[in-house]
Protein backbone atom coordinates (compact mmCIF):
# COMPACT_ATOMS: atom_id res chain seq x y z
CA MET A 1 -41.60 3.35 62.44
CA SER A 2 -45.30 3.79 62.33
CA ALA A 3 -47.63 2.58 59.85
CA ASN A 4 -50.71 4.57 58.44
CA ASP A 5 -54.32 2.47 58.19
CA ASP A 6 -53.01 1.68 54.53
CA GLY A 7 -50.69 -1.27 56.56
CA ILE A 8 -47.43 0.86 54.49
CA VAL A 9 -44.60 1.31 56.63
CA ASN A 10 -43.47 5.34 57.07
CA PRO A 11 -40.04 5.55 58.27
CA PRO A 12 -39.28 8.51 60.33
CA PRO A 13 -37.34 11.38 58.48
CA VAL A 14 -33.37 10.98 57.90
CA LEU A 15 -33.18 14.48 59.05
CA PRO A 16 -34.23 16.20 62.22
CA PRO A 17 -36.31 18.86 61.96
CA ALA A 18 -34.61 22.61 61.11
CA ASP A 19 -35.02 25.88 61.43
CA VAL A 20 -37.50 26.29 58.06
CA GLN A 21 -38.08 29.56 56.97
CA VAL A 22 -41.32 30.40 55.08
CA LEU A 23 -40.69 32.31 52.26
CA HIS A 24 -44.57 32.87 50.24
CA GLU A 25 -47.11 31.28 51.04
CA GLY A 26 -50.36 31.41 48.77
CA GLU A 27 -53.46 29.54 48.90
CA PHE A 28 -52.08 25.80 47.53
CA LEU A 29 -48.65 26.18 47.79
CA ARG A 30 -46.69 26.73 50.45
CA LEU A 31 -42.23 27.94 49.07
CA LEU A 32 -39.50 27.01 51.98
CA ARG A 33 -36.08 27.28 52.42
CA ASP A 34 -34.37 24.99 55.02
CA ALA A 35 -30.49 26.09 54.82
CA HIS A 36 -29.33 26.62 51.56
CA TRP A 37 -32.25 24.33 49.90
CA GLU A 38 -36.10 26.23 48.54
CA TYR A 39 -38.48 24.19 47.55
CA VAL A 40 -42.62 23.33 47.62
CA GLN A 41 -45.07 22.30 50.13
CA ARG A 42 -48.35 21.65 49.14
CA GLN A 43 -50.91 22.53 51.73
CA HIS A 44 -54.53 21.04 52.77
CA SER A 45 -53.05 17.88 51.06
CA THR A 46 -51.87 14.22 52.07
CA GLY A 47 -50.57 13.66 48.38
CA ALA A 48 -50.60 13.18 44.85
CA GLY A 49 -52.33 9.71 43.29
CA PHE A 50 -51.60 8.72 40.04
CA ILE A 51 -54.79 6.23 39.12
CA ILE A 52 -53.19 3.08 36.62
CA ALA A 53 -57.08 1.87 34.99
CA LEU A 54 -57.59 -0.75 32.82
CA THR A 55 -60.64 -0.82 30.72
CA ALA A 56 -62.41 -4.34 30.25
CA GLU A 57 -61.60 -4.14 26.62
CA GLN A 58 -57.91 -3.91 27.73
CA GLU A 59 -57.32 0.22 27.04
CA LEU A 60 -55.46 1.93 29.14
CA LEU A 61 -57.06 5.33 30.45
CA LEU A 62 -55.30 8.22 29.90
CA VAL A 63 -56.18 12.09 30.30
CA GLU A 64 -54.97 15.34 28.43
CA GLN A 65 -55.20 18.79 29.85
CA LEU A 66 -53.04 21.98 29.47
CA ARG A 67 -50.93 22.36 32.33
CA LEU A 68 -50.49 26.10 32.69
CA PRO A 69 -46.71 25.77 34.45
CA LEU A 70 -46.09 24.47 31.04
CA ARG A 71 -48.31 26.36 28.96
CA ARG A 72 -48.46 23.04 27.11
CA ARG A 73 -51.66 19.95 26.74
CA VAL A 74 -49.80 16.90 28.85
CA ILE A 75 -51.12 13.44 28.13
CA GLU A 76 -50.84 11.98 31.33
CA LEU A 77 -52.88 9.21 34.04
CA PRO A 78 -55.87 10.41 35.34
CA ALA A 79 -54.84 11.49 38.84
CA GLY A 80 -55.64 14.22 41.46
CA ILE A 81 -54.23 15.46 45.22
CA ILE A 82 -55.41 13.51 47.75
CA ALA A 83 -57.91 15.00 50.95
CA ASP A 84 -57.19 18.36 49.83
CA SER A 85 -60.41 19.89 49.95
CA VAL A 86 -63.12 20.21 53.38
CA ALA A 87 -65.10 17.72 51.46
CA THR A 88 -62.79 15.32 51.10
CA ALA A 89 -60.37 15.76 54.55
CA GLY A 90 -59.05 12.04 56.28
CA GLU A 91 -59.86 10.30 52.58
CA SER A 92 -58.20 7.77 52.11
CA VAL A 93 -55.77 7.28 49.00
CA GLN A 94 -57.88 4.58 47.33
CA ALA A 95 -61.02 6.83 48.21
CA SER A 96 -59.10 9.12 46.60
CA ALA A 97 -58.14 7.16 43.61
CA LEU A 98 -62.12 6.46 43.06
CA ARG A 99 -63.19 9.45 43.45
CA GLU A 100 -60.35 11.42 40.66
CA LEU A 101 -60.97 8.29 37.95
CA GLU A 102 -64.73 9.02 37.83
CA GLU A 103 -64.97 12.48 38.65
CA GLU A 104 -61.97 12.75 35.21
CA THR A 105 -63.06 9.71 33.06
CA GLY A 106 -66.27 8.79 33.78
CA TYR A 107 -65.15 5.80 34.75
CA ARG A 108 -66.14 4.31 38.09
CA GLY A 109 -64.32 0.94 39.45
CA THR A 110 -65.61 -0.91 42.36
CA ARG A 111 -61.39 -1.66 44.36
CA ALA A 112 -58.54 0.55 44.73
CA GLN A 113 -55.04 -1.20 45.34
CA ILE A 114 -51.99 0.96 46.56
CA LEU A 115 -48.77 -0.45 43.72
CA CYS A 116 -46.53 1.87 45.17
CA HIS A 117 -45.69 5.09 46.17
CA GLY A 118 -42.87 7.63 47.21
CA PRO A 119 -41.87 11.62 46.42
CA VAL A 120 -43.11 12.71 43.38
CA ALA A 121 -39.61 15.48 42.40
CA ALA A 122 -37.86 15.10 45.41
CA GLY A 123 -35.68 17.92 44.78
CA MET A 124 -38.32 20.57 44.40
CA THR A 125 -41.48 19.38 46.93
CA SER A 126 -41.86 17.23 50.08
CA GLU A 127 -45.17 15.58 47.89
CA ILE A 128 -45.66 11.72 48.08
CA GLY A 129 -47.02 10.35 45.55
CA TRP A 130 -49.07 7.32 45.47
CA PHE A 131 -50.00 4.64 42.14
CA THR A 132 -53.21 2.94 42.60
CA ARG A 133 -54.69 0.66 40.31
CA VAL A 134 -58.01 0.63 39.79
CA HIS A 135 -59.94 -2.60 38.94
CA ASP A 136 -63.34 -3.69 37.45
CA LEU A 137 -64.17 -0.60 35.52
CA GLN A 138 -67.62 0.82 34.45
CA ARG A 139 -68.73 3.82 31.99
CA VAL A 140 -70.90 6.21 34.04
CA GLY A 141 -70.69 9.28 32.21
CA ALA A 142 -68.40 11.57 29.88
CA GLY A 143 -65.61 12.34 32.97
CA GLY A 144 -63.98 15.78 32.46
CA GLY A 145 -63.34 16.86 35.69
CA VAL A 146 -65.00 19.71 37.42
CA ASP A 147 -63.85 23.01 38.74
CA GLY A 148 -63.66 24.51 35.48
CA GLU A 149 -61.16 21.28 34.56
CA ASP A 150 -61.08 20.69 30.89
CA ILE A 151 -59.58 17.08 30.79
CA THR A 152 -60.23 14.98 27.55
CA VAL A 153 -60.08 11.15 27.99
CA HIS A 154 -58.59 9.34 26.10
CA PRO A 155 -58.50 5.15 26.44
CA VAL A 156 -55.51 4.12 24.18
CA ALA A 157 -55.77 0.56 23.37
CA LEU A 158 -52.92 -1.61 25.29
CA SER A 159 -51.77 -3.25 22.53
CA GLN A 160 -50.98 0.18 20.47
CA VAL A 161 -49.90 2.30 23.48
CA ASP A 162 -46.46 2.66 22.06
CA ALA A 163 -47.41 4.33 18.98
CA TRP A 164 -50.55 6.35 20.01
CA LEU A 165 -48.05 7.89 22.85
CA ALA A 166 -44.73 9.13 20.18
CA GLN A 167 -47.53 9.86 17.67
CA ARG A 168 -48.81 12.47 19.80
CA GLN A 169 -45.29 13.39 20.77
CA SER A 170 -44.69 13.98 17.52
CA GLU A 171 -47.59 16.26 17.62
CA GLY A 172 -45.89 18.52 20.47
CA ILE A 173 -48.03 17.42 22.81
CA LEU A 174 -45.62 16.59 26.50
CA ILE A 175 -45.85 13.02 27.56
CA ASP A 176 -45.82 12.47 31.19
CA PRO A 177 -42.93 9.95 31.92
CA ARG A 178 -45.53 8.21 34.90
CA ILE A 179 -48.11 6.29 31.97
CA PHE A 180 -44.02 4.46 31.83
CA VAL A 181 -44.64 3.57 35.57
CA ALA A 182 -48.15 1.97 34.88
CA LEU A 183 -47.22 0.35 31.91
CA TYR A 184 -44.61 -1.01 33.91
CA PHE A 185 -47.17 -2.35 36.20
CA LEU A 186 -49.02 -3.44 33.83
CA GLY A 187 -46.81 -5.93 32.09
CA ARG A 188 -45.47 -7.46 35.46
CA ASP A 189 -49.13 -7.79 35.81
CA ARG A 190 -49.65 -9.35 32.75
CA ALA A 191 -46.09 -11.75 33.51
CA ALA A 192 -47.53 -12.57 36.45
CA THR A 193 -50.87 -14.42 35.44
CA ALA A 194 -48.72 -16.10 32.30
CA THR A 195 -47.40 -18.41 34.74
C-alpha cells in the first residue's frame, strides 16, 4: 500500500494487469476492453471532485446545467475533473475543489477538506470521485463556469433543500444523488457540533 500527498492510503489493485484492448480513443475518453468487460477511462485526469459548500447563511451551493448524455438539465453539486489540463497538471484534490467552486459558483473558499473518495460508477469507468468540503465561503463573482459552460447557481437554504429538490424534480429536472451524500456529511457535522 502507498499513501498519496493527501495522506490517503491507496491499496494495490485486486487483479493483476491484464491484456487490455483500446477500442476507441477520443480527446477526453478512452474505451477499453478487459477480457469480456468494456469500460471508459478518462484521459489526462486524476479523478473527479464533488464539492460540498455551505454559505454563512446556511445555504447549500448547488448548480444546474444541461448534461448532453442525458439531454436534460441536472441539479448537482459543484464539481470538476482534477488535473485535466496543462494549466492544472499536478493539481491537488483540495486546490481543484477551491478552483472549481469559484469558477462554477462565484464563491471562494479558504480551506478544502477531503471527506471521502471512491469509484464514481465502478461498472462503467475507472474514475475515482473525491468529496471535498470547502469552508469559509465569500462571494467574489457570479459563477457560471468557464469555456462555454452554462451553469446556473442555486444557493438553497439547508432547511428547505428537500422541498426545493422535490419541486425541481417535479419540473422534470434530474437530481444527482451525490447531493444526498453531501446532506449526509452536513448532517453528521451538525450532529457532532451539537454534542
